[in-house]
Protein backbone atom coordinates (compact mmCIF):
# COMPACT_ATOMS: atom_id res chain seq x y z
CA MET A 1 0.03 -0.04 0.25
CA THR A 2 1.46 3.40 -1.07
CA SER A 3 0.58 6.31 0.82
CA GLY A 4 1.21 10.01 -0.44
CA HIS A 5 1.20 9.39 -4.31
CA HIS A 6 -2.41 11.40 -4.61
CA ILE A 7 -1.30 14.16 -2.18
CA ASN A 8 1.68 14.88 -4.35
CA SER A 9 0.28 14.25 -7.57
CA PRO A 10 -3.30 14.06 -7.77
CA PHE A 11 -5.31 12.92 -10.81
CA TRP A 12 -7.08 16.34 -11.27
CA ASP A 13 -3.72 18.20 -11.39
CA GLN A 14 -0.65 16.12 -11.62
CA ARG A 15 2.26 18.68 -11.04
CA SER A 16 4.17 17.02 -8.11
CA ARG A 17 3.89 18.74 -4.72
CA GLY A 18 7.10 17.43 -3.71
CA VAL A 19 5.56 15.07 -1.02
CA ARG A 20 7.39 11.95 -0.36
CA THR A 21 5.46 8.82 -0.75
CA ARG A 22 5.83 5.78 1.66
CA ALA A 23 5.08 2.18 1.01
CA VAL A 24 4.18 -1.17 3.10
CA MET A 25 3.94 -4.50 1.82
CA THR A 26 1.85 -6.90 3.44
CA GLN A 27 0.74 -10.60 3.14
CA VAL A 28 -2.77 -10.44 3.34
CA LEU A 29 -3.27 -14.34 2.51
CA THR A 30 -1.08 -17.41 2.67
CA GLN A 31 -1.64 -20.10 0.07
CA GLN A 32 -2.90 -22.32 2.51
CA GLN A 33 -5.70 -19.88 3.56
CA ALA A 34 -6.50 -19.08 -0.07
CA GLU A 35 -6.84 -22.86 -0.72
CA GLU A 36 -9.69 -23.04 1.84
CA MET A 37 -11.59 -20.03 0.79
CA THR A 38 -14.09 -19.30 -1.78
CA PHE A 39 -13.60 -17.01 -4.64
CA ASP A 40 -15.90 -14.18 -2.92
CA GLN A 41 -14.23 -14.84 0.16
CA ILE A 42 -10.78 -14.09 -1.16
CA ASN A 43 -12.11 -11.32 -2.92
CA ASP A 44 -13.67 -9.54 -0.07
CA ILE A 45 -10.38 -9.71 1.85
CA LEU A 46 -8.59 -8.18 -1.12
CA ASN A 47 -11.09 -5.44 -1.61
CA ASP A 48 -10.79 -4.85 2.37
CA ALA A 49 -6.72 -4.36 1.68
CA PHE A 50 -6.83 -1.92 -1.01
CA GLU A 51 -8.89 0.53 0.56
CA TYR A 52 -7.24 3.67 1.69
CA ASP A 53 -7.66 7.29 2.10
CA ASP A 54 -4.67 9.67 1.17
CA PHE A 55 -6.18 12.69 2.52
CA ALA A 56 -6.84 11.06 6.08
CA TRP A 57 -3.17 9.78 5.99
CA GLN A 58 -2.06 13.24 5.27
CA ARG A 59 -4.26 14.70 7.89
CA GLU A 60 -3.05 11.96 10.56
CA ASN A 61 0.45 12.39 9.73
CA LYS A 62 0.57 16.14 9.41
CA ILE A 63 1.89 16.17 5.80
CA ARG A 64 2.11 19.90 4.85
CA VAL A 65 1.67 21.03 1.17
CA ARG A 66 2.65 24.40 0.45
CA TYR A 67 1.99 24.38 -3.08
CA LYS A 68 0.10 27.65 -3.61
CA ASN A 69 -1.87 26.00 -6.21
CA ARG A 70 -3.11 22.88 -4.47
CA ALA A 71 -6.66 23.26 -5.36
CA ARG A 72 -6.44 23.68 -8.92
CA GLY A 73 -8.44 21.12 -10.88
CA LEU A 74 -10.31 20.00 -7.66
CA HIS A 75 -13.61 21.08 -9.39
CA LYS A 76 -13.03 18.32 -11.95
CA VAL A 77 -13.93 15.79 -8.91
CA LEU A 78 -15.95 17.94 -6.98
CA TYR A 79 -18.30 19.01 -9.80
CA GLN A 80 -21.68 19.57 -7.69
CA CYS A 81 -21.99 22.11 -5.19
CA PRO A 82 -23.50 20.84 -1.93
CA SER A 83 -24.75 24.40 -0.91
CA CYS A 84 -27.11 24.98 -4.08
CA LYS A 85 -26.87 21.40 -5.40
CA THR A 86 -26.04 22.88 -8.85
CA GLU A 87 -23.83 20.67 -11.20
CA TYR A 88 -21.38 21.76 -13.52
CA LYS A 89 -20.71 25.04 -12.30
CA MET A 90 -17.86 24.48 -9.78
CA ASP A 91 -14.31 26.14 -10.47
CA SER A 92 -11.14 26.26 -8.90
CA GLY A 93 -7.70 28.03 -8.71
CA GLY A 94 -4.63 28.69 -6.46
CA ALA A 95 -5.86 27.04 -2.78
CA GLN A 96 -9.62 27.80 -3.43
CA LEU A 97 -12.76 25.92 -5.04
CA TRP A 98 -15.83 27.94 -5.53
CA CYS A 99 -19.50 27.66 -7.15
CA ASN A 100 -20.11 29.94 -10.21
CA HIS A 101 -23.94 29.46 -9.57
CA CYS A 102 -24.34 30.43 -5.65
CA GLY A 103 -21.09 32.09 -4.97
CA LYS A 104 -20.06 29.61 -2.12
CA ARG A 105 -16.45 29.35 -1.92
CA TRP A 106 -14.11 27.02 0.01
CA THR A 107 -10.35 27.17 1.01
CA MET A 108 -8.09 24.14 0.86
CA SER A 109 -5.56 23.97 3.64
CA GLU A 110 -2.05 23.05 3.64
CA TYR A 111 -3.22 19.66 5.25
CA GLY A 112 -5.59 18.93 2.66
CA GLU A 113 -9.02 20.09 4.55
CA LEU A 114 -11.70 22.27 3.16
CA GLN A 115 -12.90 25.22 5.04
CA ALA A 116 -15.85 27.38 3.69
CA THR A 117 -15.03 30.95 3.42
CA GLU A 118 -18.42 31.91 4.86
CA GLY A 119 -21.34 30.03 6.29
CA GLU A 120 -21.33 25.97 6.54
CA THR A 121 -18.24 24.01 5.07
CA HIS A 122 -20.54 20.87 4.47
CA PHE A 123 -17.46 18.79 3.63
CA SER A 124 -13.99 19.49 5.21
CA HIS A 125 -12.82 15.87 3.98
CA ILE A 126 -12.67 15.90 0.14
CA PRO A 127 -13.63 11.93 -0.40
CA ASP A 128 -16.87 12.79 1.88
CA TRP A 129 -17.94 15.42 -0.63
CA TYR A 130 -17.13 12.52 -3.32
CA GLU A 131 -19.02 10.31 -2.23
CA TRP A 132 -21.86 12.42 -1.54
CA GLU A 133 -22.03 12.93 -5.16
CA ARG A 134 -22.10 9.24 -5.80
CA LEU A 135 -25.14 9.02 -3.40
CA GLN A 136 -26.77 11.65 -5.73
CA VAL A 137 -26.04 9.75 -8.85
CA ARG A 138 -27.25 6.39 -7.18
CA ALA A 139 -30.61 8.23 -6.60
CA GLU A 140 -30.93 9.04 -10.16
CA VAL A 141 -30.01 5.73 -11.11
CA GLU A 142 -32.67 3.95 -8.60
CA ALA A 143 -35.26 6.21 -9.71
CA GLY A 144 -34.74 5.24 -13.16
CA VAL A 145 -33.92 8.84 -14.55
CA TYR A 146 -30.11 8.71 -15.22
CA SER A 147 -29.49 9.92 -18.64
CA PHE A 148 -26.77 12.01 -20.49
CA THR A 149 -26.47 12.88 -24.15
CA LYS A 150 -23.69 14.79 -25.80
CA LYS A 151 -21.89 15.55 -29.14
CA ALA A 152 -18.49 14.64 -29.09
CA ASP A 153 -15.60 14.23 -30.92
CA LEU A 154 -14.52 10.65 -31.34
CA ARG A 155 -10.65 9.35 -31.61
CA LEU A 156 -9.75 5.58 -31.85
CA LEU A 157 -6.53 3.91 -30.56
CA PRO A 158 -6.12 0.98 -32.96
CA ASN A 159 -2.36 0.79 -32.22
CA SER A 160 0.61 2.37 -30.00
CA ARG A 161 1.01 4.99 -32.50
CA GLY A 162 -1.28 7.50 -31.09
CA LEU A 163 -5.14 8.21 -31.57
CA VAL A 164 -7.14 8.49 -35.04
CA GLU A 165 -9.24 10.92 -35.76
CA TYR A 166 -12.91 9.64 -36.25
CA GLY A 167 -15.12 12.87 -36.59
CA GLU A 168 -18.33 13.86 -34.47
CA THR A 169 -20.25 11.41 -32.73
CA THR A 170 -23.03 11.46 -30.17
CA LEU A 171 -22.53 10.02 -26.64
CA ILE A 172 -25.34 8.57 -24.81
CA HIS A 173 -25.07 7.28 -21.50
CA ASP A 174 -28.52 6.06 -19.73
CA MET A 175 -30.11 3.38 -18.07
CA ASP A 176 -28.99 1.09 -20.68
CA GLY A 177 -25.50 1.67 -21.07
CA PHE A 178 -23.06 3.46 -23.05
CA ARG A 179 -24.11 4.33 -26.97
CA LEU A 180 -22.10 5.96 -29.61
CA GLU A 181 -24.03 7.09 -32.69
CA GLY A 182 -22.70 8.86 -35.84
CA VAL A 183 -21.87 9.05 -39.41
CA HIS A 184 -18.27 7.82 -40.80
CA ASP A 185 -17.40 7.71 -44.37
CA GLY A 186 -20.84 8.02 -45.28
CA LYS A 187 -22.05 5.06 -43.30
CA GLU A 188 -24.21 5.21 -40.03
CA TYR A 189 -22.81 3.21 -37.03
CA THR A 190 -24.10 2.26 -33.48
CA PHE A 191 -21.91 1.10 -30.83
CA PHE A 192 -23.32 -0.25 -27.36
CA MET A 193 -21.90 -1.38 -24.04
CA PRO A 194 -24.42 -2.68 -21.77
CA ALA A 195 -24.38 -1.36 -18.30
CA GLN A 196 -24.69 -4.64 -16.59
CA GLY A 197 -21.41 -5.70 -18.40
CA LEU A 198 -19.06 -2.67 -17.20
CA TYR A 199 -18.22 -2.37 -13.69
CA SER A 200 -16.17 1.06 -14.37
CA CYS A 201 -14.58 3.24 -16.87
CA HIS A 202 -11.73 5.20 -17.75
CA ILE A 203 -11.85 9.06 -17.56
CA GLU A 204 -9.13 11.65 -18.17
CA TYR A 205 -9.11 15.24 -17.12
CA ASN A 206 -7.33 17.78 -19.70
CA TYR A 207 -6.04 14.78 -21.72
CA GLY A 208 -2.82 15.02 -23.72
CA LYS A 209 -2.42 17.55 -26.51
CA TYR A 210 -6.26 18.16 -26.52
CA LYS A 211 -6.32 19.63 -23.07
CA ARG A 212 -9.89 18.16 -22.70
CA ASP A 213 -11.72 15.84 -20.70
CA CYS A 214 -12.44 12.25 -21.86
CA VAL A 215 -14.09 8.93 -21.49
CA ASP A 216 -12.17 5.98 -22.66
CA LEU A 217 -14.51 2.84 -23.64
CA ASN A 218 -12.58 -0.30 -24.60
CA THR A 219 -13.38 -3.71 -26.17
CA LEU A 220 -10.68 -6.65 -26.33
CA ASN A 221 -9.66 -5.04 -29.79
CA ASP A 222 -10.47 -1.44 -29.91
CA SER A 223 -10.31 1.66 -27.44
CA PHE A 224 -12.83 4.69 -28.18
CA TRP A 225 -11.62 7.89 -26.90
CA VAL A 226 -14.55 10.26 -26.48
CA PHE A 227 -14.48 13.81 -25.77
CA PRO A 228 -17.52 15.57 -25.10
CA ARG A 229 -17.76 19.27 -26.28
CA GLY A 230 -18.69 22.11 -24.13
CA ASP A 231 -18.21 22.32 -20.38
CA ASP A 232 -21.90 21.60 -18.98
CA PHE A 233 -20.81 17.91 -18.01
CA SER A 234 -18.45 15.98 -15.80
CA VAL A 235 -16.46 12.65 -16.69
CA THR A 236 -16.50 12.08 -13.21
CA LYS A 237 -20.41 11.75 -12.90
CA ILE A 238 -20.46 9.45 -15.94
CA ALA A 239 -17.86 7.42 -13.96
CA LEU A 240 -19.85 7.22 -10.96
CA ALA A 241 -22.66 6.41 -12.79
CA THR A 242 -20.95 3.56 -14.60
CA GLU A 243 -20.40 1.86 -11.07
CA GLU A 244 -23.78 2.60 -9.78
CA LEU A 245 -25.44 1.40 -13.03
CA PHE A 246 -23.43 -1.76 -12.84
CA ARG A 247 -24.14 -2.53 -9.27
CA TYR A 248 -27.97 -1.89 -9.82
CA LYS A 249 -28.10 -4.32 -12.75
CA ASN A 250 -26.23 -6.78 -11.00
CA PRO A 251 -27.94 -6.90 -7.60
């Protein structure tokens, strides 16, 4: 288990903060134990062993991050305001996070905690905010109303030499799963991935030379890199919905 990597170089802004990481290797099962257990028992133990919270580790070990832009990009993860409940209006910069809809503002401390500049903080612990967002998505899924449709730019990765432009597509993510619909070389196409067969999806923020957020959908033979247009969406929500749809479809 490696601690500190997400504090030093978080997914939402991968510039190094100069934090040293620490690793502990633990044997969680012996061969004999594994031979006497069912698949589900082994899987439960491994799932528990891989749970971690880097922000809790930072706080408990008093790891100070003096990086002045430590909150930059955090709105990519925390896309919904807990004060006004508005989605996709969050923004960030320097050590602050704010909502462009209601004006609520938070400051991220050198120890990774959030504090509202005025009024209720709602979530001082960043993972708690993220899990609250998950609950909002779960409610949409359980009510059968989750749906996302957006024009997007599609790029394929047929080999190791780089992405290939495939043109405009329509990205649909709803209760049934993912669909890509469009026209290429004069021919209509539809690509479908059912929700019950996809327990997660790969997302990227500000990806590569394109500097745009994207969703990566994979089969055994192809990778479909989908870049939704505009800024009124969150690939984080799409990722959460993928997980919650899988759970809903496979009770």
